[in-house]
Amino acid sequence: MEVAIAELTGDRTDLSALNMAGLTDWDICSRILEKCNLEPTAENIEQLQKLYIKHLPEMLLRCRGYVLAGVREILENLQQRTDVLSLVLTGSVYTS
């Protein structure tokens, strides 16, 4: 997300103190934009989400992790749907 914010604002933003627990992707993006002194308009939130999606593959390659039991099957089922785009934040970004 930090790379997406940097592309959007031209500045690096530390998100480590930002509490995102229990928030939707929309709310997370709203809080991030507010932290960057940007209005959390629908246009700005959608732009931040697009930039996040753009940079996500390269950022995942930098991380070490593992897949929890059952997640692979869930993701394979979701992949068949055209109305769902599963991401790392909360997985609740929908596309048309």
PDB file of N, CA and C in Angstrom:
ATOM      1  N   MET A   1       0.827  -1.188   0.000  1.00  0.00           N
ATOM      2  CA  MET A   1       0.000   0.000   0.000  1.00  0.00           C
ATOM      3  C   MET A   1       0.875   1.256   0.000  1.00  0.00           C
ATOM      4  N   GLU A   2       2.032   1.179   0.669  1.00  0.00           N
ATOM      5  CA  GLU A   2       2.897   2.353   0.734  1.00  0.00           C
ATOM      6  C   GLU A   2       3.374   2.793  -0.650  1.00  0.00           C
ATOM      7  N   VAL A   3       3.613   1.834  -1.545  1.00  0.00           N
ATOM      8  CA  VAL A   3       4.059   2.166  -2.899  1.00  0.00           C
ATOM      9  C   VAL A   3       2.933   2.869  -3.654  1.00  0.00           C
ATOM     10  N   ALA A   4       1.706   2.402  -3.481  1.00  0.00           N
ATOM     11  CA  ALA A   4       0.553   3.036  -4.124  1.00  0.00           C
ATOM     12  C   ALA A   4       0.368   4.464  -3.627  1.00  0.00           C
ATOM     13  N   ILE A   5       0.527   4.663  -2.333  1.00  0.00           N
ATOM     14  CA  ILE A   5       0.400   6.008  -1.759  1.00  0.00           C
ATOM     15  C   ILE A   5       1.492   6.914  -2.293  1.00  0.00           C
ATOM     16  N   ALA A   6       2.718   6.386  -2.367  1.00  0.00           N
ATOM     17  CA  ALA A   6       3.828   7.190  -2.883  1.00  0.00           C
ATOM     18  C   ALA A   6       3.571   7.616  -4.324  1.00  0.00           C
ATOM     19  N   GLU A   7       3.008   6.722  -5.134  1.00  0.00           N
ATOM     20  CA  GLU A   7       2.700   7.093  -6.519  1.00  0.00           C
ATOM     21  C   GLU A   7       1.593   8.140  -6.569  1.00  0.00           C
ATOM     22  N   LEU A   8       0.619   8.004  -5.687  1.00  0.00           N
ATOM     23  CA  LEU A   8      -0.510   8.934  -5.674  1.00  0.00           C
ATOM     24  C   LEU A   8      -0.114  10.315  -5.166  1.00  0.00           C
ATOM     25  N   THR A   9       0.685  10.355  -4.099  1.00  0.00           N
ATOM     26  CA  THR A   9       0.983  11.633  -3.433  1.00  0.00           C
ATOM     27  C   THR A   9       2.368  12.185  -3.715  1.00  0.00           C
ATOM     28  N   GLY A  10       3.269  11.301  -4.150  1.00  0.00           N
ATOM     29  CA  GLY A  10       4.651  11.733  -4.335  1.00  0.00           C
ATOM     30  C   GLY A  10       5.450  11.690  -3.045  1.00  0.00           C
ATOM     31  N   ASP A  11       4.844  11.255  -1.945  1.00  0.00           N
ATOM     32  CA  ASP A  11       5.507  11.185  -0.643  1.00  0.00           C
ATOM     33  C   ASP A  11       5.400   9.785  -0.061  1.00  0.00           C
ATOM     34  N   ARG A  12       6.367   9.449   0.799  1.00  0.00           N
ATOM     35  CA  ARG A  12       6.310   8.189   1.533  1.00  0.00           C
ATOM     36  C   ARG A  12       5.473   8.420   2.790  1.00  0.00           C
ATOM     37  N   THR A  13       4.626   7.455   3.123  1.00  0.00           N
ATOM     38  CA  THR A  13       3.750   7.570   4.285  1.00  0.00           C
ATOM     39  C   THR A  13       3.894   6.331   5.150  1.00  0.00           C
ATOM     40  N   ASP A  14       4.122   6.554   6.450  1.00  0.00           N
ATOM     41  CA  ASP A  14       4.239   5.458   7.396  1.00  0.00           C
ATOM     42  C   ASP A  14       2.851   5.067   7.883  1.00  0.00           C
ATOM     43  N   LEU A  15       2.443   3.837   7.599  1.00  0.00           N
ATOM     44  CA  LEU A  15       1.123   3.358   7.990  1.00  0.00           C
ATOM     45  C   LEU A  15       1.162   2.458   9.218  1.00  0.00           C
ATOM     46  N   SER A  16       2.321   2.308   9.825  1.00  0.00           N
ATOM     47  CA  SER A  16       2.468   1.338  10.912  1.00  0.00           C
ATOM     48  C   SER A  16       1.562   1.626  12.106  1.00  0.00           C
ATOM     49  N   ALA A  17       1.230   2.876  12.363  1.00  0.00           N
ATOM     50  CA  ALA A  17       0.383   3.213  13.519  1.00  0.00           C
ATOM     51  C   ALA A  17      -1.104   3.260  13.167  1.00  0.00           C
ATOM     52  N   LEU A  18      -1.429   3.067  11.903  1.00  0.00           N
ATOM     53  CA  LEU A  18      -2.819   3.149  11.465  1.00  0.00           C
ATOM     54  C   LEU A  18      -3.555   1.851  11.794  1.00  0.00           C
ATOM     55  N   ASN A  19      -4.607   1.942  12.606  1.00  0.00           N
ATOM     56  CA  ASN A  19      -5.386   0.764  13.000  1.00  0.00           C
ATOM     57  C   ASN A  19      -6.392   0.445  11.889  1.00  0.00           C
ATOM     58  N   MET A  20      -6.239  -0.725  11.276  1.00  0.00           N
ATOM     59  CA  MET A  20      -7.111  -1.117  10.172  1.00  0.00           C
ATOM     60  C   MET A  20      -7.984  -2.314  10.527  1.00  0.00           C
ATOM     61  N   ALA A  21      -7.866  -2.810  11.749  1.00  0.00           N
ATOM     62  CA  ALA A  21      -8.595  -4.015  12.158  1.00  0.00           C
ATOM     63  C   ALA A  21     -10.097  -3.815  12.029  1.00  0.00           C
ATOM     64  N   GLY A  22     -10.744  -4.750  11.339  1.00  0.00           N
ATOM     65  CA  GLY A  22     -12.196  -4.739  11.219  1.00  0.00           C
ATOM     66  C   GLY A  22     -12.762  -3.780  10.194  1.00  0.00           C
ATOM     67  N   LEU A  23     -11.905  -3.060   9.483  1.00  0.00           N
ATOM     68  CA  LEU A  23     -12.372  -2.083   8.501  1.00  0.00           C
ATOM     69  C   LEU A  23     -12.519  -2.722   7.120  1.00  0.00           C
ATOM     70  N   THR A  24     -13.408  -2.176   6.327  1.00  0.00           N
ATOM     71  CA  THR A  24     -13.514  -2.580   4.927  1.00  0.00           C
ATOM     72  C   THR A  24     -12.380  -1.923   4.150  1.00  0.00           C
ATOM     73  N   ASP A  25     -12.130  -2.416   2.938  1.00  0.00           N
ATOM     74  CA  ASP A  25     -11.106  -1.793   2.096  1.00  0.00           C
ATOM     75  C   ASP A  25     -11.409  -0.315   1.882  1.00  0.00           C
ATOM     76  N   TRP A  26     -12.683   0.006   1.673  1.00  0.00           N
ATOM     77  CA  TRP A  26     -13.095   1.397   1.452  1.00  0.00           C
ATOM     78  C   TRP A  26     -12.709   2.260   2.654  1.00  0.00           C
ATOM     79  N   ASP A  27     -12.984   1.755   3.865  1.00  0.00           N
ATOM     80  CA  ASP A  27     -12.649   2.507   5.079  1.00  0.00           C
ATOM     81  C   ASP A  27     -11.144   2.610   5.280  1.00  0.00           C
ATOM     82  N   ILE A  28     -10.427   1.539   4.971  1.00  0.00           N
ATOM     83  CA  ILE A  28      -8.967   1.573   5.077  1.00  0.00           C
ATOM     84  C   ILE A  28      -8.407   2.649   4.155  1.00  0.00           C
ATOM     85  N   CYS A  29      -8.864   2.661   2.908  1.00  0.00           N
ATOM     86  CA  CYS A  29      -8.396   3.664   1.946  1.00  0.00           C
ATOM     87  C   CYS A  29      -8.779   5.072   2.400  1.00  0.00           C
ATOM     88  N   SER A  30      -9.964   5.227   2.963  1.00  0.00           N
ATOM     89  CA  SER A  30     -10.396   6.536   3.471  1.00  0.00           C
ATOM     90  C   SER A  30      -9.450   7.030   4.552  1.00  0.00           C
ATOM     91  N   ARG A  31      -9.112   6.170   5.487  1.00  0.00           N
ATOM     92  CA  ARG A  31      -8.210   6.567   6.577  1.00  0.00           C
ATOM     93  C   ARG A  31      -6.813   6.889   6.066  1.00  0.00           C
ATOM     94  N   ILE A  32      -6.358   6.104   5.097  1.00  0.00           N
ATOM     95  CA  ILE A  32      -5.041   6.362   4.524  1.00  0.00           C
ATOM     96  C   ILE A  32      -5.027   7.712   3.824  1.00  0.00           C
ATOM     97  N   LEU A  33      -6.060   7.990   3.044  1.00  0.00           N
ATOM     98  CA  LEU A  33      -6.128   9.283   2.354  1.00  0.00           C
ATOM     99  C   LEU A  33      -6.175  10.434   3.350  1.00  0.00           C
ATOM    100  N   GLU A  34      -6.954  10.288   4.406  1.00  0.00           N
ATOM    101  CA  GLU A  34      -7.011  11.333   5.434  1.00  0.00           C
ATOM    102  C   GLU A  34      -5.646  11.545   6.074  1.00  0.00           C
ATOM    103  N   LYS A  35      -4.923  10.459   6.332  1.00  0.00           N
ATOM    104  CA  LYS A  35      -3.580  10.557   6.902  1.00  0.00           C
ATOM    105  C   LYS A  35      -2.650  11.323   5.964  1.00  0.00           C
ATOM    106  N   CYS A  36      -2.910  11.214   4.660  1.00  0.00           N
ATOM    107  CA  CYS A  36      -2.104  11.911   3.646  1.00  0.00           C
ATOM    108  C   CYS A  36      -2.648  13.298   3.331  1.00  0.00           C
ATOM    109  N   ASN A  37      -3.620  13.753   4.122  1.00  0.00           N
ATOM    110  CA  ASN A  37      -4.257  15.066   3.919  1.00  0.00           C
ATOM    111  C   ASN A  37      -4.950  15.182   2.565  1.00  0.00           C
ATOM    112  N   LEU A  38      -5.545  14.069   2.123  1.00  0.00           N
ATOM    113  CA  LEU A  38      -6.342  14.063   0.896  1.00  0.00           C
ATOM    114  C   LEU A  38      -7.789  13.753   1.255  1.00  0.00           C
ATOM    115  N   GLU A  39      -8.707  14.336   0.520  1.00  0.00           N
ATOM    116  CA  GLU A  39     -10.130  14.059   0.735  1.00  0.00           C
ATOM    117  C   GLU A  39     -10.424  12.602   0.360  1.00  0.00           C
ATOM    118  N   PRO A  40     -11.137  11.895   1.216  1.00  0.00           N
ATOM    119  CA  PRO A  40     -11.496  10.505   0.891  1.00  0.00           C
ATOM    120  C   PRO A  40     -12.728  10.428  -0.011  1.00  0.00           C
ATOM    121  N   THR A  41     -12.620  11.053  -1.176  1.00  0.00           N
ATOM    122  CA  THR A  41     -13.718  11.017  -2.144  1.00  0.00           C
ATOM    123  C   THR A  41     -13.737   9.659  -2.841  1.00  0.00           C
ATOM    124  N   ALA A  42     -14.840   9.336  -3.457  1.00  0.00           N
ATOM    125  CA  ALA A  42     -14.943   8.077  -4.193  1.00  0.00           C
ATOM    126  C   ALA A  42     -13.853   7.996  -5.259  1.00  0.00           C
ATOM    127  N   GLU A  43     -13.605   9.085  -5.934  1.00  0.00           N
ATOM    128  CA  GLU A  43     -12.578   9.117  -6.985  1.00  0.00           C
ATOM    129  C   GLU A  43     -11.191   8.828  -6.410  1.00  0.00           C
ATOM    130  N   ASN A  44     -10.846   9.455  -5.283  1.00  0.00           N
ATOM    131  CA  ASN A  44      -9.536   9.223  -4.673  1.00  0.00           C
ATOM    132  C   ASN A  44      -9.400   7.808  -4.136  1.00  0.00           C
ATOM    133  N   ILE A  45     -10.457   7.288  -3.537  1.00  0.00           N
ATOM    134  CA  ILE A  45     -10.420   5.916  -3.018  1.00  0.00           C
ATOM    135  C   ILE A  45     -10.244   4.929  -4.159  1.00  0.00           C
ATOM    136  N   GLU A  46     -10.981   5.102  -5.238  1.00  0.00           N
ATOM    137  CA  GLU A  46     -10.868   4.202  -6.385  1.00  0.00           C
ATOM    138  C   GLU A  46      -9.482   4.287  -7.013  1.00  0.00           C
ATOM    139  N   GLN A  47      -8.923   5.493  -7.084  1.00  0.00           N
ATOM    140  CA  GLN A  47      -7.568   5.655  -7.630  1.00  0.00           C
ATOM    141  C   GLN A  47      -6.541   4.939  -6.753  1.00  0.00           C
ATOM    142  N   LEU A  48      -6.667   5.080  -5.430  1.00  0.00           N
ATOM    143  CA  LEU A  48      -5.749   4.402  -4.520  1.00  0.00           C
ATOM    144  C   LEU A  48      -5.883   2.891  -4.652  1.00  0.00           C
ATOM    145  N   GLN A  49      -7.094   2.382  -4.763  1.00  0.00           N
ATOM    146  CA  GLN A  49      -7.299   0.948  -4.933  1.00  0.00           C
ATOM    147  C   GLN A  49      -6.686   0.456  -6.242  1.00  0.00           C
ATOM    148  N   LYS A  50      -6.834   1.212  -7.317  1.00  0.00           N
ATOM    149  CA  LYS A  50      -6.245   0.823  -8.609  1.00  0.00           C
ATOM    150  C   LYS A  50      -4.723   0.765  -8.514  1.00  0.00           C
ATOM    151  N   LEU A  51      -4.138   1.748  -7.844  1.00  0.00           N
ATOM    152  CA  LEU A  51      -2.681   1.758  -7.682  1.00  0.00           C
ATOM    153  C   LEU A  51      -2.221   0.605  -6.801  1.00  0.00           C
ATOM    154  N   TYR A  52      -2.994   0.309  -5.773  1.00  0.00           N
ATOM    155  CA  TYR A  52      -2.680  -0.832  -4.901  1.00  0.00           C
ATOM    156  C   TYR A  52      -2.684  -2.125  -5.713  1.00  0.00           C
ATOM    157  N   ILE A  53      -3.717  -2.318  -6.529  1.00  0.00           N
ATOM    158  CA  ILE A  53      -3.821  -3.513  -7.369  1.00  0.00           C
ATOM    159  C   ILE A  53      -2.645  -3.577  -8.349  1.00  0.00           C
ATOM    160  N   LYS A  54      -2.283  -2.439  -8.901  1.00  0.00           N
ATOM    161  CA  LYS A  54      -1.169  -2.372  -9.859  1.00  0.00           C
ATOM    162  C   LYS A  54       0.144  -2.840  -9.225  1.00  0.00           C
ATOM    163  N   HIS A  55       0.409  -2.422  -7.992  1.00  0.00           N
ATOM    164  CA  HIS A  55       1.689  -2.721  -7.345  1.00  0.00           C
ATOM    165  C   HIS A  55       1.685  -4.005  -6.521  1.00  0.00           C
ATOM    166  N   LEU A  56       0.532  -4.597  -6.304  1.00  0.00           N
ATOM    167  CA  LEU A  56       0.433  -5.765  -5.439  1.00  0.00           C
ATOM    168  C   LEU A  56       1.317  -6.934  -5.877  1.00  0.00           C
ATOM    169  N   PRO A  57       1.313  -7.342  -7.155  1.00  0.00           N
ATOM    170  CA  PRO A  57       2.145  -8.500  -7.538  1.00  0.00           C
ATOM    171  C   PRO A  57       3.624  -8.315  -7.208  1.00  0.00           C
ATOM    172  N   GLU A  58       4.180  -7.153  -7.502  1.00  0.00           N
ATOM    173  CA  GLU A  58       5.608  -6.934  -7.228  1.00  0.00           C
ATOM    174  C   GLU A  58       5.881  -6.902  -5.723  1.00  0.00           C
ATOM    175  N   MET A  59       4.954  -6.381  -4.934  1.00  0.00           N
ATOM    176  CA  MET A  59       5.151  -6.311  -3.491  1.00  0.00           C
ATOM    177  C   MET A  59       5.059  -7.696  -2.849  1.00  0.00           C
ATOM    178  N   LEU A  60       4.179  -8.537  -3.362  1.00  0.00           N
ATOM    179  CA  LEU A  60       4.056  -9.894  -2.816  1.00  0.00           C
ATOM    180  C   LEU A  60       5.330 -10.706  -3.039  1.00  0.00           C
ATOM    181  N   LEU A  61       6.026 -10.440  -4.138  1.00  0.00           N
ATOM    182  CA  LEU A  61       7.276 -11.148  -4.413  1.00  0.00           C
ATOM    183  C   LEU A  61       8.349 -10.813  -3.390  1.00  0.00           C
ATOM    184  N   ARG A  62       8.225  -9.683  -2.720  1.00  0.00           N
ATOM    185  CA  ARG A  62       9.205  -9.261  -1.714  1.00  0.00           C
ATOM    186  C   ARG A  62       8.934  -9.866  -0.340  1.00  0.00           C
ATOM    187  N   CYS A  63       7.799 -10.490  -0.166  1.00  0.00           N
ATOM    188  CA  CYS A  63       7.392 -11.009   1.148  1.00  0.00           C
ATOM    189  C   CYS A  63       7.534 -12.527   1.205  1.00  0.00           C
ATOM    190  N   ARG A  64       7.825 -13.019   2.388  1.00  0.00           N
ATOM    191  CA  ARG A  64       7.828 -14.467   2.614  1.00  0.00           C
ATOM    192  C   ARG A  64       6.565 -14.798   3.385  1.00  0.00           C
ATOM    193  N   GLY A  65       5.920 -15.847   2.999  1.00  0.00           N
ATOM    194  CA  GLY A  65       4.694 -16.218   3.678  1.00  0.00           C
ATOM    195  C   GLY A  65       4.294 -17.633   3.345  1.00  0.00           C
ATOM    196  N   TYR A  66       3.102 -18.004   3.752  1.00  0.00           N
ATOM    197  CA  TYR A  66       2.581 -19.334   3.494  1.00  0.00           C
ATOM    198  C   TYR A  66       1.068 -19.240   3.360  1.00  0.00           C
ATOM    199  N   VAL A  67       0.484 -20.254   2.761  1.00  0.00           N
ATOM    200  CA  VAL A  67      -0.957 -20.287   2.531  1.00  0.00           C
ATOM    201  C   VAL A  67      -1.611 -21.093   3.639  1.00  0.00           C
ATOM    202  N   LEU A  68      -2.622 -20.537   4.286  1.00  0.00           N
ATOM    203  CA  LEU A  68      -3.359 -21.233   5.331  1.00  0.00           C
ATOM    204  C   LEU A  68      -4.214 -22.347   4.730  1.00  0.00           C
ATOM    205  N   ALA A  69      -4.499 -23.348   5.526  1.00  0.00           N
ATOM    206  CA  ALA A  69      -5.309 -24.487   5.089  1.00  0.00           C
ATOM    207  C   ALA A  69      -6.667 -24.019   4.572  1.00  0.00           C
ATOM    208  N   GLY A  70      -7.065 -24.514   3.406  1.00  0.00           N
ATOM    209  CA  GLY A  70      -8.368 -24.196   2.831  1.00  0.00           C
ATOM    210  C   GLY A  70      -8.414 -22.937   1.992  1.00  0.00           C
ATOM    211  N   VAL A  71      -7.435 -22.077   2.127  1.00  0.00           N
ATOM    212  CA  VAL A  71      -7.452 -20.800   1.407  1.00  0.00           C
ATOM    213  C   VAL A  71      -7.285 -21.003  -0.088  1.00  0.00           C
ATOM    214  N   ARG A  72      -6.410 -21.903  -0.469  1.00  0.00           N
ATOM    215  CA  ARG A  72      -6.179 -22.140  -1.903  1.00  0.00           C
ATOM    216  C   ARG A  72      -7.483 -22.526  -2.612  1.00  0.00           C
ATOM    217  N   GLU A  73      -8.270 -23.407  -1.993  1.00  0.00           N
ATOM    218  CA  GLU A  73      -9.539 -23.847  -2.577  1.00  0.00           C
ATOM    219  C   GLU A  73     -10.536 -22.692  -2.660  1.00  0.00           C
ATOM    220  N   ILE A  74     -10.596 -21.891  -1.616  1.00  0.00           N
ATOM    221  CA  ILE A  74     -11.498 -20.733  -1.619  1.00  0.00           C
ATOM    222  C   ILE A  74     -11.127 -19.777  -2.744  1.00  0.00           C
ATOM    223  N   LEU A  75      -9.839 -19.490  -2.882  1.00  0.00           N
ATOM    224  CA  LEU A  75      -9.385 -18.571  -3.930  1.00  0.00           C
ATOM    225  C   LEU A  75      -9.649 -19.138  -5.320  1.00  0.00           C
ATOM    226  N   GLU A  76      -9.479 -20.440  -5.489  1.00  0.00           N
ATOM    227  CA  GLU A  76      -9.768 -21.058  -6.788  1.00  0.00           C
ATOM    228  C   GLU A  76     -11.243 -20.916  -7.134  1.00  0.00           C
ATOM    229  N   ASN A  77     -12.124 -21.069  -6.147  1.00  0.00           N
ATOM    230  CA  ASN A  77     -13.557 -20.883  -6.382  1.00  0.00           C
ATOM    231  C   ASN A  77     -13.884 -19.434  -6.705  1.00  0.00           C
ATOM    232  N   LEU A  78     -13.282 -18.505  -5.990  1.00  0.00           N
ATOM    233  CA  LEU A  78     -13.534 -17.082  -6.248  1.00  0.00           C
ATOM    234  C   LEU A  78     -13.009 -16.646  -7.609  1.00  0.00           C
ATOM    235  N   GLN A  79     -11.961 -17.304  -8.070  1.00  0.00           N
ATOM    236  CA  GLN A  79     -11.366 -16.954  -9.360  1.00  0.00           C
ATOM    237  C   GLN A  79     -12.362 -17.124 -10.506  1.00  0.00           C
ATOM    238  N   GLN A  80     -13.333 -18.012 -10.330  1.00  0.00           N
ATOM    239  CA  GLN A  80     -14.341 -18.256 -11.360  1.00  0.00           C
ATOM    240  C   GLN A  80     -15.356 -17.120 -11.453  1.00  0.00           C
ATOM    241  N   ARG A  81     -15.439 -16.295 -10.421  1.00  0.00           N
ATOM    242  CA  ARG A  81     -16.430 -15.213 -10.384  1.00  0.00           C
ATOM    243  C   ARG A  81     -15.868 -13.963 -11.038  1.00  0.00           C
ATOM    244  N   THR A  82     -16.685 -13.292 -11.828  1.00  0.00           N
ATOM    245  CA  THR A  82     -16.257 -12.066 -12.495  1.00  0.00           C
ATOM    246  C   THR A  82     -16.593 -10.814 -11.677  1.00  0.00           C
ATOM    247  N   ASP A  83     -17.376 -10.977 -10.618  1.00  0.00           N
ATOM    248  CA  ASP A  83     -17.784  -9.822  -9.820  1.00  0.00           C
ATOM    249  C   ASP A  83     -16.962  -9.648  -8.549  1.00  0.00           C
ATOM    250  N   VAL A  84     -15.920 -10.481  -8.359  1.00  0.00           N
ATOM    251  CA  VAL A  84     -15.113 -10.412  -7.146  1.00  0.00           C
ATOM    252  C   VAL A  84     -13.645 -10.322  -7.524  1.00  0.00           C
ATOM    253  N   LEU A  85     -12.928  -9.394  -6.874  1.00  0.00           N
ATOM    254  CA  LEU A  85     -11.484  -9.278  -7.015  1.00  0.00           C
ATOM    255  C   LEU A  85     -10.912  -9.410  -5.616  1.00  0.00           C
ATOM    256  N   SER A  86     -10.258 -10.511  -5.342  1.00  0.00           N
ATOM    257  CA  SER A  86      -9.749 -10.779  -4.003  1.00  0.00           C
ATOM    258  C   SER A  86      -8.354 -10.194  -3.860  1.00  0.00           C
ATOM    259  N   LEU A  87      -8.173  -9.397  -2.803  1.00  0.00           N
ATOM    260  CA  LEU A  87      -6.890  -8.746  -2.540  1.00  0.00           C
ATOM    261  C   LEU A  87      -6.408  -9.085  -1.143  1.00  0.00           C
ATOM    262  N   VAL A  88      -5.279  -8.524  -0.770  1.00  0.00           N
ATOM    263  CA  VAL A  88      -4.664  -8.848   0.503  1.00  0.00           C
ATOM    264  C   VAL A  88      -5.246  -8.046   1.666  1.00  0.00           C
ATOM    265  N   LEU A  89      -5.700  -6.833   1.453  1.00  0.00           N
ATOM    266  CA  LEU A  89      -6.215  -6.036   2.576  1.00  0.00           C
ATOM    267  C   LEU A  89      -7.332  -6.774   3.279  1.00  0.00           C
ATOM    268  N   THR A  90      -8.485  -6.817   2.681  1.00  0.00           N
ATOM    269  CA  THR A  90      -9.602  -7.565   3.260  1.00  0.00           C
ATOM    270  C   THR A  90     -10.197  -8.509   2.239  1.00  0.00           C
ATOM    271  N   GLY A  91      -9.830  -8.338   0.983  1.00  0.00           N
ATOM    272  CA  GLY A  91     -10.389  -9.178  -0.056  1.00  0.00           C
ATOM    273  C   GLY A  91     -11.784  -8.767  -0.484  1.00  0.00           C
ATOM    274  N   SER A  92     -12.179  -7.563  -0.117  1.00  0.00           N
ATOM    275  CA  SER A  92     -13.560  -7.167  -0.398  1.00  0.00           C
ATOM    276  C   SER A  92     -13.658  -6.015  -1.392  1.00  0.00           C
ATOM    277  N   VAL A  93     -12.818  -6.022  -2.394  1.00  0.00           N
ATOM    278  CA  VAL A  93     -12.922  -5.043  -3.467  1.00  0.00           C
ATOM    279  C   VAL A  93     -13.666  -5.688  -4.615  1.00  0.00           C
ATOM    280  N   TYR A  94     -14.735  -5.079  -5.056  1.00  0.00           N
ATOM    281  CA  TYR A  94     -15.545  -5.621  -6.143  1.00  0.00           C
ATOM    282  C   TYR A  94     -15.303  -4.821  -7.407  1.00  0.00           C
ATOM    283  N   THR A  95     -15.274  -5.509  -8.536  1.00  0.00           N
ATOM    284  CA  THR A  95     -15.110  -4.840  -9.820  1.00  0.00           C
ATOM    285  C   THR A  95     -16.319  -5.145 -10.683  1.00  0.00           C
ATOM    286  N   SER A  96     -16.544  -4.298 -11.664  1.00  0.00           N
ATOM    287  CA  SER A  96     -17.683  -4.529 -12.562  1.00  0.00           C
ATOM    288  C   SER A  96     -17.201  -5.061 -13.894  1.00  0.00           C
TER     289      SER A  96
END
